[in-house]
């Protein structure tokens, strides 16, 4: 079983409470718009980090992370892409990638809108953790913590960070 900490759209700001919330996590997944190499280094020093670049990330970050990421976690294939949409409104190519790779979890960011939705047609759980940074129009900063046990996704928790 793996405990996952999911974060996105930090835009260079990393709330120190993230370290407390993710202390029991095995990995941190970042769905893009890191905003700085310093933020990446802090997360990498804390826990194993997986991620994709976002539209605000510069070439130094794009040399570390790709636009798309496909990987296995436990017995599930995970697909991550910053600009991805959501069930019924996927970005171009996302639905095809979910189907071609038989992804069971699709992670995106970009919208700053927290969403956890199951796509019954594709048999895939979509998760967008919202935005954890201070830049953007969102009024709540959120991250997500959940567990993957073989083929089960469980104990999904939305955590609201202080807005100050």
Protein backbone atom coordinates (compact mmCIF):
# COMPACT_ATOMS: atom_id res chain seq x y z
CA UNK A 1 0.00 0.00 0.00
CA UNK A 2 1.20 3.51 -0.81
CA UNK A 3 0.15 6.80 0.70
CA UNK A 4 0.22 9.63 -1.85
CA UNK A 5 0.36 13.38 -1.33
CA UNK A 6 -1.03 15.23 -4.37
CA UNK A 7 -0.38 18.91 -5.02
CA UNK A 8 -0.56 21.29 -7.96
CA UNK A 9 -0.29 24.90 -9.03
CA UNK A 10 2.10 26.04 -6.33
CA UNK A 11 3.42 28.84 -8.56
CA UNK A 12 6.62 29.10 -6.51
CA UNK A 13 4.91 29.13 -3.09
CA UNK A 14 5.16 26.10 -0.82
CA UNK A 15 3.09 26.26 2.36
CA UNK A 16 5.21 24.83 5.17
CA UNK A 17 2.20 22.87 6.52
CA UNK A 18 2.42 20.66 3.41
CA UNK A 19 5.32 18.87 5.12
CA UNK A 20 3.10 18.03 8.10
CA UNK A 21 0.17 16.93 5.93
CA UNK A 22 2.42 14.74 3.76
CA UNK A 23 4.65 13.41 6.56
CA UNK A 24 3.15 9.91 6.37
CA UNK A 25 3.12 9.83 2.55
CA UNK A 26 5.39 7.52 0.57
CA UNK A 27 5.45 9.80 -2.48
CA UNK A 28 4.44 13.30 -3.52
CA UNK A 29 2.89 13.87 -6.94
CA UNK A 30 2.87 17.40 -8.36
CA UNK A 31 0.52 18.08 -11.29
CA UNK A 32 2.44 21.05 -12.68
CA UNK A 33 3.02 24.78 -12.34
CA UNK A 34 5.78 24.27 -9.77
CA UNK A 35 7.01 27.79 -10.33
CA UNK A 36 10.59 27.38 -9.10
CA UNK A 37 13.50 24.95 -8.88
CA UNK A 38 13.84 25.77 -5.19
CA UNK A 39 10.33 24.42 -4.54
CA UNK A 40 11.15 21.24 -6.47
CA UNK A 41 14.35 20.74 -4.45
CA UNK A 42 12.48 21.15 -1.15
CA UNK A 43 9.92 18.52 -2.15
CA UNK A 44 12.59 16.13 -3.49
CA UNK A 45 14.56 16.44 -0.25
CA UNK A 46 11.43 15.54 1.72
CA UNK A 47 9.92 12.61 -0.22
CA UNK A 48 10.21 10.90 -3.62
CA UNK A 49 8.63 13.28 -6.14
CA UNK A 50 6.83 12.59 -9.40
CA UNK A 51 5.47 15.37 -11.56
CA UNK A 52 4.84 17.09 -14.86
CA UNK A 53 5.61 20.61 -15.94
CA UNK A 54 2.87 23.19 -16.19
CA UNK A 55 2.31 26.08 -18.54
CA UNK A 56 4.10 28.58 -16.27
CA UNK A 57 7.18 26.39 -15.74
CA UNK A 58 10.35 27.51 -17.52
CA UNK A 59 12.92 25.48 -19.47
CA UNK A 60 14.90 24.57 -16.33
CA UNK A 61 11.83 22.77 -14.93
CA UNK A 62 10.91 21.30 -18.33
CA UNK A 63 14.34 19.65 -18.42
CA UNK A 64 13.45 17.76 -15.24
CA UNK A 65 9.78 16.94 -15.85
CA UNK A 66 7.86 16.08 -19.01
CA UNK A 67 4.47 17.23 -20.23
CA UNK A 68 2.96 13.77 -19.66
CA UNK A 69 3.80 11.04 -17.20
CA UNK A 70 2.64 7.42 -17.23
CA UNK A 71 3.65 5.13 -14.36
CA UNK A 72 2.48 2.19 -12.29
CA UNK A 73 1.60 2.61 -8.64
CA UNK A 74 0.76 -0.63 -6.90
CA UNK A 75 -1.36 -2.35 -9.60
CA UNK A 76 -2.81 0.78 -11.21
CA UNK A 77 -1.54 2.78 -14.18
CA UNK A 78 -1.44 6.51 -13.46
CA UNK A 79 -1.46 9.20 -16.15
CA UNK A 80 -0.57 12.79 -15.25
CA UNK A 81 -0.76 15.91 -17.43
CA UNK A 82 -1.05 19.50 -16.23
CA UNK A 83 -3.63 20.74 -18.75
CA UNK A 84 -5.99 17.81 -18.95
CA UNK A 85 -9.58 18.78 -18.37
CA UNK A 86 -11.95 16.35 -16.70
CA UNK A 87 -14.53 13.67 -17.62
CA UNK A 88 -16.76 14.95 -20.40
CA UNK A 89 -14.37 17.86 -21.09
CA UNK A 90 -10.91 16.39 -21.54
CA UNK A 91 -8.19 18.39 -23.29
CA UNK A 92 -7.22 17.24 -26.76
CA UNK A 93 -5.63 13.79 -26.73
CA UNK A 94 -6.25 13.04 -23.05
CA UNK A 95 -9.16 10.64 -23.58
CA UNK A 96 -7.17 8.80 -26.26
CA UNK A 97 -4.20 8.48 -23.89
CA UNK A 98 -6.38 7.19 -21.06
CA UNK A 99 -7.84 4.54 -23.36
CA UNK A 100 -4.56 3.60 -25.08
CA UNK A 101 -2.67 3.14 -21.81
CA UNK A 102 -5.65 1.77 -19.81
CA UNK A 103 -5.02 4.39 -17.14
CA UNK A 104 -7.04 3.93 -13.96
CA UNK A 105 -6.11 7.30 -12.45
CA UNK A 106 -5.82 10.55 -14.40
CA UNK A 107 -4.22 13.48 -12.54
CA UNK A 108 -4.35 17.06 -13.82
CA UNK A 109 -3.98 20.59 -12.52
CA UNK A 110 -4.17 23.97 -14.29
CA UNK A 111 -7.78 24.97 -13.57
CA UNK A 112 -7.19 25.64 -9.84
CA UNK A 113 -10.52 23.83 -9.36
CA UNK A 114 -10.58 20.87 -6.99
CA UNK A 115 -12.23 17.86 -8.66
CA UNK A 116 -12.43 14.18 -7.82
CA UNK A 117 -14.61 12.47 -10.41
CA UNK A 118 -14.98 8.92 -11.64
CA UNK A 119 -15.31 8.52 -15.41
CA UNK A 120 -17.59 5.51 -15.73
CA UNK A 121 -17.18 5.33 -19.51
CA UNK A 122 -13.41 5.01 -19.28
CA UNK A 123 -13.18 3.29 -15.88
CA UNK A 124 -10.77 5.96 -14.68
CA UNK A 125 -10.67 8.19 -11.60
CA UNK A 126 -9.85 11.82 -12.36
CA UNK A 127 -8.24 13.93 -9.63
CA UNK A 128 -7.34 17.61 -9.74
CA UNK A 129 -6.07 18.74 -6.33
CA UNK A 130 -6.91 22.39 -6.97
CA UNK A 131 -4.21 24.98 -6.29
CA UNK A 132 -1.80 25.06 -3.35
CA UNK A 133 -0.11 28.33 -4.27
CA UNK A 134 -1.15 31.93 -3.71
CA UNK A 135 -1.19 33.00 -7.38
CA UNK A 136 -4.52 32.71 -9.19
CA UNK A 137 -8.19 33.39 -8.81
CA UNK A 138 -8.96 30.52 -6.39
CA UNK A 139 -10.23 31.41 -2.92
CA UNK A 140 -9.20 28.15 -1.24
CA UNK A 141 -5.82 26.46 -1.37
CA UNK A 142 -6.09 22.67 -1.41
CA UNK A 143 -4.04 19.50 -1.54
CA UNK A 144 -5.13 15.86 -1.48
CA UNK A 145 -3.90 12.80 0.37
CA UNK A 146 -4.99 9.25 -0.54
CA UNK A 147 -3.91 5.61 -0.49
CA UNK A 148 -3.49 3.08 -3.25
CA UNK A 149 -3.70 -0.54 -2.15
CA UNK A 150 -3.15 -2.88 -5.09
CA UNK A 151 -6.09 -1.86 -7.33
CA UNK A 152 -8.04 0.13 -4.72
CA UNK A 153 -7.95 3.87 -4.17
CA UNK A 154 -9.06 4.71 -0.67
CA UNK A 155 -9.08 7.23 2.16
CA UNK A 156 -9.06 10.25 -0.14
CA UNK A 157 -8.78 13.41 1.97
CA UNK A 158 -9.05 16.98 0.75
CA UNK A 159 -6.95 19.28 2.91
CA UNK A 160 -7.58 23.03 2.93
CA UNK A 161 -4.53 25.14 3.57
CA UNK A 162 -4.71 28.47 5.36
CA UNK A 163 -5.54 31.25 2.89
CA UNK A 164 -3.32 33.88 4.53
